[in-house]
Amino acid sequence: MRGNAMLLVLVAAVVALSGCTPTATPSAAPTPTPTSTPTPSPSTPPTGPVLAYAGDCASVFADPRAVLGFDAEASPGDDAADLPTGLVTLGGLSCSWVAADGTFEAVTLMALPVTEVPEELRARFEATACEWSFDTPYCHLAGSVGGTWVMVSKRALDEAGTPPDLAPVLAAALESAATAPEPIAATPADEWWDSVDCATVEQVAGIAEVYAPATFEPGYPAGFGTWPTDGMLASTDQWCPWFSYETSEAVWMNLLPGAGSQWDDADFTGATPVDVVGAEAAVLVTVDDNLGLMDEREVLYATDGANVLRIQMSPIPLEDLAARVFAGMADAGRS
C-alpha cells in the first residue's frame, strides 16, 4: 500500500511538470517486501559478582620478587579465602605476600570496583599515607585504572618512620588490572538481608535474653585494629562482637548479605553438616585459633540461600544462636 501511494504521488508530480495527461496508466510496480530489522533486546546488566583480577592473586605480579624486593608467594588474604565473604560479594579481592625467610616483611593488596569505593577513601590514599592498625603502623597507596580500584599496603619497618616506596608496587598492580576483567559487585536482590547495625542484630536475636543473667557488652577486649576499607565492607560483612566481663565469654558473628551465591563454590572440605532452623544448609568448620584462646575452634557457616551467617564464639550451641539470628532477621524485614 505504501509503495503504491508513493508511485501515484510521483506520477502526479510528472503530470504537473509536463502539463500533459498520460495516455496510459502504467501498471503498478510490485510492492517490495520490507526487510525487518531485529530490535536489539536491552542488555541485561551483569548480576555479578565479577572478581578483580579474575579472583587470582597470582596474576597480580608476573615477578613478585622484582616488584616487591623479597621472595614471597601470593596467597589470598584473610578476607578472600575459599569461603563465603562480603568482600567477594562486592567483586573484591584481597591478596598478601609474606617473606619466605620468616621476616615481618609483607605486602597486602585490596582491589574493588571503583564504583564501590567512596570518594573520600579514594582521595585519602592518592599519596602514601600511614596509620596505626592492629598496634602496628601500616602505609597505604591507592589508585585506579578503568573500573578497578587498587590499594597496596605495607608494614612500616623503618625506625626513622620513613614510609616505604609503594609507587612501583601500585604501578605494577594497576598494569595487571588494566588487562584483567573489570570487577563488578553483585546486584542486591529482595532476598538479601537489610544492612543493619549490631544494635539491631542484638535486639532481633535477643542476645540479652539468651545470656541473662550475664551481661554482654558490645565489642571485644582484645586489641583488634581497623583497616581503611572496613567501613565500606560493612554493607556485605557486618561483624558483631559482644563480650561478658562477668563470665569471660564472647559472642562473635558476621552477617553476610548476598553471600549465599558463593555457597556452592565454597571449600567446606572436612566440615561437618549440621541443622539450623531457618537455614537451607549449615556446616561446622574447624580452624586454627589465631585468637590465642585455644588450639582450635569451630566456626559455623549457615545460609538461607541468599545470605550467609558466620558465628565463631557463643556460650550456647552455635546452631541455636544461628536459628535466633535467622528468625530475627526475617522478622526485621528484607531489602
C-alpha atoms as a PDB file:
ATOM      1  CA  MET A   1       0.000   0.000   0.000  1.00  0.00           C
ATOM      2  CA  ARG A   2       2.692   2.442   0.919  1.00  0.00           C
ATOM      3  CA  GLY A   3       4.649   1.718  -2.327  1.00  0.00           C
ATOM      4  CA  ASN A   4       1.512   2.280  -4.500  1.00  0.00           C
ATOM      5  CA  ALA A   5       0.754   5.565  -2.798  1.00  0.00           C
ATOM      6  CA  MET A   6       4.250   6.825  -3.370  1.00  0.00           C
ATOM      7  CA  LEU A   7       4.032   5.829  -7.057  1.00  0.00           C
ATOM      8  CA  LEU A   8       0.801   7.833  -7.540  1.00  0.00           C
ATOM      9  CA  VAL A   9       2.405  10.856  -5.977  1.00  0.00           C
ATOM     10  CA  LEU A  10       5.333  10.585  -8.379  1.00  0.00           C
ATOM     11  CA  VAL A  11       3.015  10.243 -11.390  1.00  0.00           C
ATOM     12  CA  ALA A  12       1.039  13.293 -10.324  1.00  0.00           C
ATOM     13  CA  ALA A  13       4.225  15.270  -9.974  1.00  0.00           C
ATOM     14  CA  VAL A  14       5.313  14.345 -13.510  1.00  0.00           C
ATOM     15  CA  VAL A  15       1.924  15.355 -14.929  1.00  0.00           C
ATOM     16  CA  ALA A  16       2.049  18.698 -13.181  1.00  0.00           C
ATOM     17  CA  LEU A  17       5.507  19.443 -14.514  1.00  0.00           C
ATOM     18  CA  SER A  18       4.876  18.388 -18.128  1.00  0.00           C
ATOM     19  CA  GLY A  19       1.327  19.800 -18.441  1.00  0.00           C
ATOM     20  CA  CYS A  20       0.334  16.613 -20.245  1.00  0.00           C
ATOM     21  CA  THR A  21      -2.106  13.906 -19.329  1.00  0.00           C
ATOM     22  CA  PRO A  22      -0.640  10.444 -19.685  1.00  0.00           C
ATOM     23  CA  THR A  23      -2.274   8.372 -22.383  1.00  0.00           C
ATOM     24  CA  ALA A  24      -1.866   5.133 -20.457  1.00  0.00           C
ATOM     25  CA  THR A  25      -1.786   4.229 -16.854  1.00  0.00           C
ATOM     26  CA  PRO A  26       1.353   2.260 -16.113  1.00  0.00           C
ATOM     27  CA  SER A  27       0.951  -0.941 -14.235  1.00  0.00           C
ATOM     28  CA  ALA A  28       1.745  -0.680 -10.586  1.00  0.00           C
ATOM     29  CA  ALA A  29       5.170  -1.854  -9.573  1.00  0.00           C
ATOM     30  CA  PRO A  30       5.187  -4.741  -7.107  1.00  0.00           C
ATOM     31  CA  THR A  31       5.339  -3.614  -3.528  1.00  0.00           C
ATOM     32  CA  PRO A  32       8.699  -4.616  -2.070  1.00  0.00           C
ATOM     33  CA  THR A  33       8.585  -6.770   0.983  1.00  0.00           C
ATOM     34  CA  PRO A  34      10.019  -4.716   3.811  1.00  0.00           C
ATOM     35  CA  THR A  35      13.102  -6.140   5.433  1.00  0.00           C
ATOM     36  CA  SER A  36      12.582  -6.338   9.150  1.00  0.00           C
ATOM     37  CA  THR A  37      15.475  -5.194  11.290  1.00  0.00           C
ATOM     38  CA  PRO A  38      15.565  -7.081  14.566  1.00  0.00           C
ATOM     39  CA  THR A  39      15.147  -4.785  17.510  1.00  0.00           C
ATOM     40  CA  PRO A  40      18.097  -5.376  19.811  1.00  0.00           C
ATOM     41  CA  SER A  41      16.962  -6.642  23.172  1.00  0.00           C
ATOM     42  CA  PRO A  42      18.114  -4.489  26.039  1.00  0.00           C
ATOM     43  CA  SER A  43      21.314  -5.799  27.508  1.00  0.00           C
ATOM     44  CA  THR A  44      20.861  -7.442  30.862  1.00  0.00           C
ATOM     45  CA  PRO A  45      23.180  -5.892  33.423  1.00  0.00           C
ATOM     46  CA  PRO A  46      25.502  -8.463  34.938  1.00  0.00           C
ATOM     47  CA  THR A  47      24.380  -9.612  38.342  1.00  0.00           C
ATOM     48  CA  GLY A  48      27.936 -10.246  39.476  1.00  0.00           C
ATOM     49  CA  PRO A  49      30.000 -10.661  41.303  1.00  0.00           C
ATOM     50  CA  VAL A  50      32.935 -10.495  38.901  1.00  0.00           C
ATOM     51  CA  LEU A  51      36.118 -10.558  40.962  1.00  0.00           C
ATOM     52  CA  ALA A  52      39.046  -8.211  40.493  1.00  0.00           C
ATOM     53  CA  TYR A  53      41.970  -9.907  38.742  1.00  0.00           C
ATOM     54  CA  ALA A  54      39.532 -12.739  37.983  1.00  0.00           C
ATOM     55  CA  GLY A  55      39.976 -13.766  41.618  1.00  0.00           C
ATOM     56  CA  ASP A  56      43.582 -14.852  41.064  1.00  0.00           C
ATOM     57  CA  CYS A  57      46.211 -13.302  43.342  1.00  0.00           C
ATOM     58  CA  ALA A  58      48.989 -14.992  41.375  1.00  0.00           C
ATOM     59  CA  SER A  59      48.090 -12.889  38.322  1.00  0.00           C
ATOM     60  CA  VAL A  60      48.757  -9.558  40.043  1.00  0.00           C
ATOM     61  CA  PHE A  61      52.556  -9.591  39.654  1.00  0.00           C
ATOM     62  CA  ALA A  62      54.327 -11.555  36.936  1.00  0.00           C
ATOM     63  CA  ASP A  63      57.525 -11.461  39.019  1.00  0.00           C
ATOM     64  CA  PRO A  64      56.725 -10.707  42.672  1.00  0.00           C
ATOM     65  CA  ARG A  65      60.387 -10.591  43.717  1.00  0.00           C
ATOM     66  CA  ALA A  66      61.216  -7.968  41.102  1.00  0.00           C
ATOM     67  CA  VAL A  67      58.329  -5.789  42.248  1.00  0.00           C
ATOM     68  CA  LEU A  68      58.365  -6.388  45.999  1.00  0.00           C
ATOM     69  CA  GLY A  69      62.087  -6.887  46.586  1.00  0.00           C
ATOM     70  CA  PHE A  70      61.744 -10.112  48.584  1.00  0.00           C
ATOM     71  CA  ASP A  71      60.929 -13.766  47.965  1.00  0.00           C
ATOM     72  CA  ALA A  72      57.247 -14.432  48.500  1.00  0.00           C
ATOM     73  CA  GLU A  73      54.301 -16.238  47.013  1.00  0.00           C
ATOM     74  CA  ALA A  74      50.852 -14.756  46.594  1.00  0.00           C
ATOM     75  CA  SER A  75      48.105 -16.063  48.821  1.00  0.00           C
ATOM     76  CA  PRO A  76      44.525 -14.962  49.430  1.00  0.00           C
ATOM     77  CA  GLY A  77      44.186 -12.570  52.333  1.00  0.00           C
ATOM     78  CA  ASP A  78      42.013 -13.281  55.346  1.00  0.00           C
ATOM     79  CA  ASP A  79      39.031 -11.763  53.537  1.00  0.00           C
ATOM     80  CA  ALA A  80      39.459 -13.743  50.336  1.00  0.00           C
ATOM     81  CA  ALA A  81      39.538 -17.386  51.372  1.00  0.00           C
ATOM     82  CA  ASP A  82      37.575 -20.098  49.581  1.00  0.00           C
ATOM     83  CA  LEU A  83      34.644 -19.482  51.921  1.00  0.00           C
ATOM     84  CA  PRO A  84      31.756 -17.019  51.637  1.00  0.00           C
ATOM     85  CA  THR A  85      32.850 -13.436  52.330  1.00  0.00           C
ATOM     86  CA  GLY A  86      31.364  -9.982  51.997  1.00  0.00           C
ATOM     87  CA  LEU A  87      34.398  -8.849  50.007  1.00  0.00           C
ATOM     88  CA  VAL A  88      33.603 -11.322  47.231  1.00  0.00           C
ATOM     89  CA  THR A  89      30.002 -10.080  47.130  1.00  0.00           C
ATOM     90  CA  LEU A  90      31.410  -6.647  46.245  1.00  0.00           C
ATOM     91  CA  GLY A  91      33.599  -8.109  43.495  1.00  0.00           C
ATOM     92  CA  GLY A  92      36.699  -7.535  45.585  1.00  0.00           C
ATOM     93  CA  LEU A  93      39.916  -9.441  46.075  1.00  0.00           C
ATOM     94  CA  SER A  94      42.424  -9.393  48.929  1.00  0.00           C
ATOM     95  CA  CYS A  95      45.946 -10.744  48.482  1.00  0.00           C
ATOM     96  CA  SER A  96      49.079 -10.928  50.587  1.00  0.00           C
ATOM     97  CA  TRP A  97      52.763 -11.614  50.002  1.00  0.00           C
ATOM     98  CA  VAL A  98      54.842 -12.601  53.032  1.00  0.00           C
ATOM     99  CA  ALA A  99      58.609 -13.003  53.032  1.00  0.00           C
ATOM    100  CA  ALA A 100      59.610 -16.654  52.756  1.00  0.00           C
ATOM    101  CA  ASP A 101      62.524 -16.178  55.183  1.00  0.00           C
ATOM    102  CA  GLY A 102      60.157 -15.609  58.084  1.00  0.00           C
ATOM    103  CA  THR A 103      60.822 -11.897  58.479  1.00  0.00           C
ATOM    104  CA  PHE A 104      57.992  -9.477  59.059  1.00  0.00           C
ATOM    105  CA  GLU A 105      58.236  -8.008  55.574  1.00  0.00           C
ATOM    106  CA  ALA A 106      54.904  -8.275  53.799  1.00  0.00           C
ATOM    107  CA  VAL A 107      52.722  -6.501  51.272  1.00  0.00           C
ATOM    108  CA  THR A 108      48.951  -6.706  51.021  1.00  0.00           C
ATOM    109  CA  LEU A 109      46.624  -5.659  48.230  1.00  0.00           C
ATOM    110  CA  MET A 110      42.921  -4.997  48.048  1.00  0.00           C
ATOM    111  CA  ALA A 111      41.092  -4.463  44.770  1.00  0.00           C
ATOM    112  CA  LEU A 112      37.455  -3.435  44.315  1.00  0.00           C
ATOM    113  CA  PRO A 113      35.169  -1.906  41.716  1.00  0.00           C
ATOM    114  CA  VAL A 114      35.748   1.857  41.643  1.00  0.00           C
ATOM    115  CA  THR A 115      32.006   2.358  41.992  1.00  0.00           C
ATOM    116  CA  GLU A 116      32.057   0.664  45.416  1.00  0.00           C
ATOM    117  CA  VAL A 117      34.794   2.872  46.885  1.00  0.00           C
ATOM    118  CA  PRO A 118      33.754   6.164  48.498  1.00  0.00           C
ATOM    119  CA  GLU A 119      35.376   9.240  47.010  1.00  0.00           C
ATOM    120  CA  GLU A 120      36.801  10.144  50.419  1.00  0.00           C
ATOM    121  CA  LEU A 121      38.666   6.843  50.588  1.00  0.00           C
ATOM    122  CA  ARG A 122      39.983   7.211  47.049  1.00  0.00           C
ATOM    123  CA  ALA A 123      41.311  10.691  47.775  1.00  0.00           C
ATOM    124  CA  ARG A 124      42.721   9.685  51.146  1.00  0.00           C
ATOM    125  CA  PHE A 125      45.384   7.416  49.675  1.00  0.00           C
ATOM    126  CA  GLU A 126      46.212   9.163  46.404  1.00  0.00           C
ATOM    127  CA  ALA A 127      49.553   9.781  48.108  1.00  0.00           C
ATOM    128  CA  THR A 128      51.175   7.366  50.549  1.00  0.00           C
ATOM    129  CA  ALA A 129      49.615   7.739  53.992  1.00  0.00           C
ATOM    130  CA  CYS A 130      50.445   5.786  57.140  1.00  0.00           C
ATOM    131  CA  GLU A 131      48.245   4.991  60.121  1.00  0.00           C
ATOM    132  CA  TRP A 132      48.109   2.567  63.013  1.00  0.00           C
ATOM    133  CA  SER A 133      46.256  -0.720  62.732  1.00  0.00           C
ATOM    134  CA  PHE A 134      46.499  -3.781  64.969  1.00  0.00           C
ATOM    135  CA  ASP A 135      49.123  -1.942  67.066  1.00  0.00           C
ATOM    136  CA  THR A 136      51.329  -1.609  64.010  1.00  0.00           C
ATOM    137  CA  PRO A 137      51.864   1.286  61.605  1.00  0.00           C
ATOM    138  CA  TYR A 138      50.870   0.477  58.028  1.00  0.00           C
ATOM    139  CA  CYS A 139      51.312   2.633  54.954  1.00  0.00           C
ATOM    140  CA  HIS A 140      48.834   2.638  52.085  1.00  0.00           C
ATOM    141  CA  LEU A 141      48.811   3.900  48.495  1.00  0.00           C
ATOM    142  CA  ALA A 142      45.882   3.552  46.112  1.00  0.00           C
ATOM    143  CA  GLY A 143      44.879   4.323  42.552  1.00  0.00           C
ATOM    144  CA  SER A 144      42.526   3.161  39.843  1.00  0.00           C
ATOM    145  CA  VAL A 145      42.566   2.077  36.223  1.00  0.00           C
ATOM    146  CA  GLY A 146      39.349   1.638  34.247  1.00  0.00           C
ATOM    147  CA  GLY A 147      36.769   0.311  36.687  1.00  0.00           C
ATOM    148  CA  THR A 148      39.268  -1.170  39.149  1.00  0.00           C
ATOM    149  CA  TRP A 149      40.473   0.491  42.357  1.00  0.00           C
ATOM    150  CA  VAL A 150      43.613  -0.950  43.958  1.00  0.00           C
ATOM    151  CA  MET A 151      45.183  -0.258  47.356  1.00  0.00           C
ATOM    152  CA  VAL A 152      48.604  -1.645  48.283  1.00  0.00           C
ATOM    153  CA  SER A 153      49.768  -1.655  51.892  1.00  0.00           C
ATOM    154  CA  LYS A 154      52.974  -2.423  53.729  1.00  0.00           C
ATOM    155  CA  ARG A 155      54.007  -2.536  57.339  1.00  0.00           C
ATOM    156  CA  ALA A 156      56.293   0.418  58.125  1.00  0.00           C
ATOM    157  CA  LEU A 157      59.536  -1.137  59.376  1.00  0.00           C
ATOM    158  CA  ASP A 158      61.824   1.886  59.145  1.00  0.00           C
ATOM    159  CA  GLU A 159      62.641   3.052  62.671  1.00  0.00           C
ATOM    160  CA  ALA A 160      63.081   6.558  61.339  1.00  0.00           C
ATOM    161  CA  GLY A 161      59.465   6.488  60.238  1.00  0.00           C
ATOM    162  CA  THR A 162      60.251   6.764  56.528  1.00  0.00           C
ATOM    163  CA  PRO A 163      57.278   5.488  54.508  1.00  0.00           C
ATOM    164  CA  PRO A 164      58.045   2.605  52.141  1.00  0.00           C
ATOM    165  CA  ASP A 165      58.142   3.332  48.436  1.00  0.00           C
ATOM    166  CA  LEU A 166      54.853   1.829  47.309  1.00  0.00           C
ATOM    167  CA  ALA A 167      54.664   3.614  43.945  1.00  0.00           C
ATOM    168  CA  PRO A 168      56.366   0.816  41.922  1.00  0.00           C
ATOM    169  CA  VAL A 169      54.171  -1.786  43.632  1.00  0.00           C
ATOM    170  CA  LEU A 170      50.977   0.111  42.825  1.00  0.00           C
ATOM    171  CA  ALA A 171      52.105   0.788  39.250  1.00  0.00           C
ATOM    172  CA  ALA A 172      52.696  -2.916  38.624  1.00  0.00           C
ATOM    173  CA  ALA A 173      49.359  -3.844  40.206  1.00  0.00           C
ATOM    174  CA  LEU A 174      47.479  -1.309  38.083  1.00  0.00           C
ATOM    175  CA  GLU A 175      49.235  -2.521  34.939  1.00  0.00           C
ATOM    176  CA  SER A 176      47.914  -6.030  35.598  1.00  0.00           C
ATOM    177  CA  ALA A 177      44.453  -4.719  36.483  1.00  0.00           C
ATOM    178  CA  ALA A 178      44.253  -2.903  33.151  1.00  0.00           C
ATOM    179  CA  THR A 179      44.363  -6.209  31.272  1.00  0.00           C
ATOM    180  CA  ALA A 180      42.059  -8.135  33.636  1.00  0.00           C
ATOM    181  CA  PRO A 181      38.252  -8.134  33.564  1.00  0.00           C
ATOM    182  CA  GLU A 182      36.857  -5.188  35.477  1.00  0.00           C
ATOM    183  CA  PRO A 183      35.324  -6.206  38.816  1.00  0.00           C
ATOM    184  CA  ILE A 184      31.559  -5.956  39.285  1.00  0.00           C
ATOM    185  CA  ALA A 185      29.674  -6.116  42.575  1.00  0.00           C
ATOM    186  CA  ALA A 186      26.718  -8.457  42.916  1.00  0.00           C
ATOM    187  CA  THR A 187      23.367  -6.803  42.269  1.00  0.00           C
ATOM    188  CA  PRO A 188      21.336  -6.738  45.507  1.00  0.00           C
ATOM    189  CA  ALA A 189      18.176  -8.871  45.468  1.00  0.00           C
ATOM    190  CA  ASP A 190      14.994  -8.640  47.501  1.00  0.00           C
ATOM    191  CA  GLU A 191      16.039 -11.718  49.474  1.00  0.00           C
ATOM    192  CA  TRP A 192      19.158 -10.052  50.826  1.00  0.00           C
ATOM    193  CA  TRP A 193      19.169  -9.065  54.480  1.00  0.00           C
ATOM    194  CA  ASP A 194      18.966  -5.372  55.172  1.00  0.00           C
ATOM    195  CA  SER A 195      22.247  -3.792  56.107  1.00  0.00           C
ATOM    196  CA  VAL A 196      21.790  -3.416  59.863  1.00  0.00           C
ATOM    197  CA  ASP A 197      23.990  -2.349  62.734  1.00  0.00           C
ATOM    198  CA  CYS A 198      24.950  -4.631  65.596  1.00  0.00           C
ATOM    199  CA  ALA A 199      22.478  -2.990  67.973  1.00  0.00           C
ATOM    200  CA  THR A 200      19.680  -4.133  65.682  1.00  0.00           C
ATOM    201  CA  VAL A 201      21.113  -7.645  65.487  1.00  0.00           C
ATOM    202  CA  GLU A 202      21.374  -7.724  69.273  1.00  0.00           C
ATOM    203  CA  GLN A 203      17.714  -6.760  69.536  1.00  0.00           C
ATOM    204  CA  VAL A 204      16.248  -9.101  66.914  1.00  0.00           C
ATOM    205  CA  ALA A 205      18.343 -12.067  68.081  1.00  0.00           C
ATOM    206  CA  GLY A 206      17.600 -11.413  71.748  1.00  0.00           C
ATOM    207  CA  ILE A 207      21.238 -11.524  72.831  1.00  0.00           C
ATOM    208  CA  ALA A 208      20.495 -10.124  76.302  1.00  0.00           C
ATOM    209  CA  GLU A 209      17.634 -12.571  76.768  1.00  0.00           C
ATOM    210  CA  VAL A 210      19.678 -15.596  75.728  1.00  0.00           C
ATOM    211  CA  TYR A 211      22.576 -14.933  78.063  1.00  0.00           C
ATOM    212  CA  ALA A 212      20.825 -13.492  81.110  1.00  0.00           C
ATOM    213  CA  PRO A 213      21.724 -13.032  83.872  1.00  0.00           C
ATOM    214  CA  ALA A 214      25.200 -12.444  82.440  1.00  0.00           C
ATOM    215  CA  THR A 215      25.591  -9.087  80.710  1.00  0.00           C
ATOM    216  CA  PHE A 216      27.151  -8.981  77.254  1.00  0.00           C
ATOM    217  CA  GLU A 217      28.540  -5.657  76.130  1.00  0.00           C
ATOM    218  CA  PRO A 218      29.229  -4.645  72.512  1.00  0.00           C
ATOM    219  CA  GLY A 219      32.829  -5.084  71.460  1.00  0.00           C
ATOM    220  CA  TYR A 220      35.704  -7.389  72.267  1.00  0.00           C
ATOM    221  CA  PRO A 221      38.521  -6.769  74.765  1.00  0.00           C
ATOM    222  CA  ALA A 222      41.371  -7.929  72.511  1.00  0.00           C
ATOM    223  CA  GLY A 223      43.382  -5.374  70.569  1.00  0.00           C
ATOM    224  CA  PHE A 224      41.779  -5.542  67.138  1.00  0.00           C
ATOM    225  CA  GLY A 225      42.637  -2.676  64.857  1.00  0.00           C
ATOM    226  CA  THR A 226      40.760  -1.203  61.946  1.00  0.00           C
ATOM    227  CA  TRP A 227      41.632  -1.311  58.265  1.00  0.00           C
ATOM    228  CA  PRO A 228      40.861   1.565  55.880  1.00  0.00           C
ATOM    229  CA  THR A 229      38.248  -0.429  53.960  1.00  0.00           C
ATOM    230  CA  ASP A 230      36.376  -1.807  56.986  1.00  0.00           C
ATOM    231  CA  GLY A 231      33.618   0.783  56.844  1.00  0.00           C
ATOM    232  CA  MET A 232      32.756   0.251  53.203  1.00  0.00           C
ATOM    233  CA  LEU A 233      32.626  -3.523  53.645  1.00  0.00           C
ATOM    234  CA  ALA A 234      30.060  -3.347  56.440  1.00  0.00           C
ATOM    235  CA  SER A 235      27.142  -3.480  53.983  1.00  0.00           C
ATOM    236  CA  THR A 236      28.113  -7.013  52.936  1.00  0.00           C
ATOM    237  CA  ASP A 237      30.078  -8.155  56.008  1.00  0.00           C
ATOM    238  CA  GLN A 238      28.773  -6.845  59.324  1.00  0.00           C
ATOM    239  CA  TRP A 239      30.957  -8.018  62.204  1.00  0.00           C
ATOM    240  CA  CYS A 240      29.141  -8.051  65.563  1.00  0.00           C
ATOM    241  CA  PRO A 241      31.094  -8.991  68.720  1.00  0.00           C
ATOM    242  CA  TRP A 242      29.864  -8.984  72.314  1.00  0.00           C
ATOM    243  CA  PHE A 243      31.751  -9.865  75.478  1.00  0.00           C
ATOM    244  CA  SER A 244      30.792 -10.651  79.060  1.00  0.00           C
ATOM    245  CA  TYR A 245      33.281  -9.409  81.643  1.00  0.00           C
ATOM    246  CA  GLU A 246      31.346 -11.411  84.229  1.00  0.00           C
ATOM    247  CA  THR A 247      31.852 -14.805  82.594  1.00  0.00           C
ATOM    248  CA  SER A 248      34.728 -14.015  80.164  1.00  0.00           C
ATOM    249  CA  GLU A 249      32.603 -15.445  77.351  1.00  0.00           C
ATOM    250  CA  ALA A 250      32.116 -13.944  73.927  1.00  0.00           C
ATOM    251  CA  VAL A 251      29.663 -13.835  71.064  1.00  0.00           C
ATOM    252  CA  TRP A 252      31.174 -13.213  67.658  1.00  0.00           C
ATOM    253  CA  MET A 253      29.246 -13.276  64.403  1.00  0.00           C
ATOM    254  CA  ASN A 254      29.370 -11.891  60.864  1.00  0.00           C
ATOM    255  CA  LEU A 255      26.271 -11.223  58.755  1.00  0.00           C
ATOM    256  CA  LEU A 256      26.975 -11.571  55.031  1.00  0.00           C
ATOM    257  CA  PRO A 257      24.009 -10.303  52.955  1.00  0.00           C
ATOM    258  CA  GLY A 258      24.112 -11.692  49.419  1.00  0.00           C
ATOM    259  CA  ALA A 259      26.892 -14.201  50.067  1.00  0.00           C
ATOM    260  CA  GLY A 260      24.542 -17.141  49.558  1.00  0.00           C
ATOM    261  CA  SER A 261      25.521 -17.206  45.875  1.00  0.00           C
ATOM    262  CA  GLN A 262      29.019 -18.282  46.957  1.00  0.00           C
ATOM    263  CA  TRP A 263      27.836 -21.294  48.939  1.00  0.00           C
ATOM    264  CA  ASP A 264      28.037 -23.942  46.218  1.00  0.00           C
ATOM    265  CA  ASP A 265      31.588 -22.875  45.304  1.00  0.00           C
ATOM    266  CA  ALA A 266      32.859 -22.705  48.889  1.00  0.00           C
ATOM    267  CA  ASP A 267      35.539 -25.109  50.070  1.00  0.00           C
ATOM    268  CA  PHE A 268      33.995 -26.822  53.067  1.00  0.00           C
ATOM    269  CA  THR A 269      36.404 -29.756  52.948  1.00  0.00           C
ATOM    270  CA  GLY A 270      36.320 -31.623  56.248  1.00  0.00           C
ATOM    271  CA  ALA A 271      33.337 -29.647  57.536  1.00  0.00           C
ATOM    272  CA  THR A 272      30.514 -31.300  59.467  1.00  0.00           C
ATOM    273  CA  PRO A 273      26.966 -30.664  58.208  1.00  0.00           C
ATOM    274  CA  VAL A 274      24.575 -29.530  60.944  1.00  0.00           C
ATOM    275  CA  ASP A 275      20.935 -28.494  61.156  1.00  0.00           C
ATOM    276  CA  VAL A 276      19.989 -24.875  61.769  1.00  0.00           C
ATOM    277  CA  VAL A 277      16.335 -23.825  61.881  1.00  0.00           C
ATOM    278  CA  GLY A 278      15.721 -21.235  59.171  1.00  0.00           C
ATOM    279  CA  ALA A 279      18.757 -22.233  57.116  1.00  0.00           C
ATOM    280  CA  GLU A 280      18.895 -24.274  53.930  1.00  0.00           C
ATOM    281  CA  ALA A 281      22.372 -25.557  54.762  1.00  0.00           C
ATOM    282  CA  ALA A 282      24.881 -25.226  57.577  1.00  0.00           C
ATOM    283  CA  VAL A 283      28.302 -26.639  58.418  1.00  0.00           C
ATOM    284  CA  LEU A 284      30.800 -26.554  61.266  1.00  0.00           C
ATOM    285  CA  VAL A 285      34.375 -25.828  60.183  1.00  0.00           C
ATOM    286  CA  THR A 286      37.344 -26.470  62.493  1.00  0.00           C
ATOM    287  CA  VAL A 287      40.043 -23.817  62.145  1.00  0.00           C
ATOM    288  CA  ASP A 288      43.290 -22.930  63.878  1.00  0.00           C
ATOM    289  CA  ASP A 289      42.622 -20.447  66.657  1.00  0.00           C
ATOM    290  CA  ASN A 290      44.505 -17.251  65.834  1.00  0.00           C
ATOM    291  CA  LEU A 291      42.930 -15.541  68.854  1.00  0.00           C
ATOM    292  CA  GLY A 292      45.206 -17.334  71.296  1.00  0.00           C
ATOM    293  CA  LEU A 293      42.286 -18.771  73.248  1.00  0.00           C
ATOM    294  CA  MET A 294      42.676 -22.421  72.264  1.00  0.00           C
ATOM    295  CA  ASP A 295      44.424 -24.628  69.732  1.00  0.00           C
ATOM    296  CA  GLU A 296      41.364 -24.961  67.520  1.00  0.00           C
ATOM    297  CA  ARG A 297      37.868 -23.595  67.394  1.00  0.00           C
ATOM    298  CA  GLU A 298      34.695 -24.297  65.469  1.00  0.00           C
ATOM    299  CA  VAL A 299      33.131 -21.804  63.074  1.00  0.00           C
ATOM    300  CA  LEU A 300      29.538 -22.165  61.932  1.00  0.00           C
ATOM    301  CA  TYR A 301      28.553 -21.190  58.399  1.00  0.00           C
ATOM    302  CA  ALA A 302      24.855 -21.220  57.572  1.00  0.00           C
ATOM    303  CA  THR A 303      22.855 -19.947  54.599  1.00  0.00           C
ATOM    304  CA  ASP A 304      19.206 -19.363  53.782  1.00  0.00           C
ATOM    305  CA  GLY A 305      20.064 -19.390  50.079  1.00  0.00           C
ATOM    306  CA  ALA A 306      20.587 -15.637  49.752  1.00  0.00           C
ATOM    307  CA  ASN A 307      22.570 -14.734  52.850  1.00  0.00           C
ATOM    308  CA  VAL A 308      25.278 -16.302  54.991  1.00  0.00           C
ATOM    309  CA  LEU A 309      25.793 -16.183  58.741  1.00  0.00           C
ATOM    310  CA  ARG A 310      29.170 -16.929  60.319  1.00  0.00           C
ATOM    311  CA  ILE A 311      29.451 -17.479  64.085  1.00  0.00           C
ATOM    312  CA  GLN A 312      32.746 -18.217  65.803  1.00  0.00           C
ATOM    313  CA  MET A 313      32.032 -17.961  69.512  1.00  0.00           C
ATOM    314  CA  SER A 314      28.946 -18.374  71.673  1.00  0.00           C
ATOM    315  CA  PRO A 315      28.173 -19.611  75.206  1.00  0.00           C
ATOM    316  CA  ILE A 316      25.239 -21.603  73.797  1.00  0.00           C
ATOM    317  CA  PRO A 317      25.413 -24.022  70.848  1.00  0.00           C
ATOM    318  CA  LEU A 318      26.271 -22.182  67.648  1.00  0.00           C
ATOM    319  CA  GLU A 319      23.292 -23.785  65.894  1.00  0.00           C
ATOM    320  CA  ASP A 320      20.863 -22.396  68.483  1.00  0.00           C
ATOM    321  CA  LEU A 321      22.209 -18.862  68.219  1.00  0.00           C
ATOM    322  CA  ALA A 322      22.153 -19.070  64.412  1.00  0.00           C
ATOM    323  CA  ALA A 323      18.485 -20.068  64.457  1.00  0.00           C
ATOM    324  CA  ARG A 324      17.694 -16.981  66.535  1.00  0.00           C
ATOM    325  CA  VAL A 325      19.525 -14.738  64.091  1.00  0.00           C
ATOM    326  CA  PHE A 326      17.776 -16.178  61.032  1.00  0.00           C
ATOM    327  CA  ALA A 327      14.376 -15.782  62.695  1.00  0.00           C
ATOM    328  CA  GLY A 328      15.185 -12.284  63.874  1.00  0.00           C
ATOM    329  CA  MET A 329      16.482 -11.065  60.523  1.00  0.00           C
ATOM    330  CA  ALA A 330      13.393 -12.479  58.781  1.00  0.00           C
ATOM    331  CA  ASP A 331      11.183 -10.545  61.191  1.00  0.00           C
ATOM    332  CA  ALA A 332      13.275  -7.404  60.711  1.00  0.00           C
ATOM    333  CA  GLY A 333      12.356  -7.318  57.026  1.00  0.00           C
ATOM    334  CA  ARG A 334      14.299  -7.656  53.844  1.00  0.00           C
ATOM    335  CA  SER A 335      15.615  -5.011  51.494  1.00  0.00           C
END
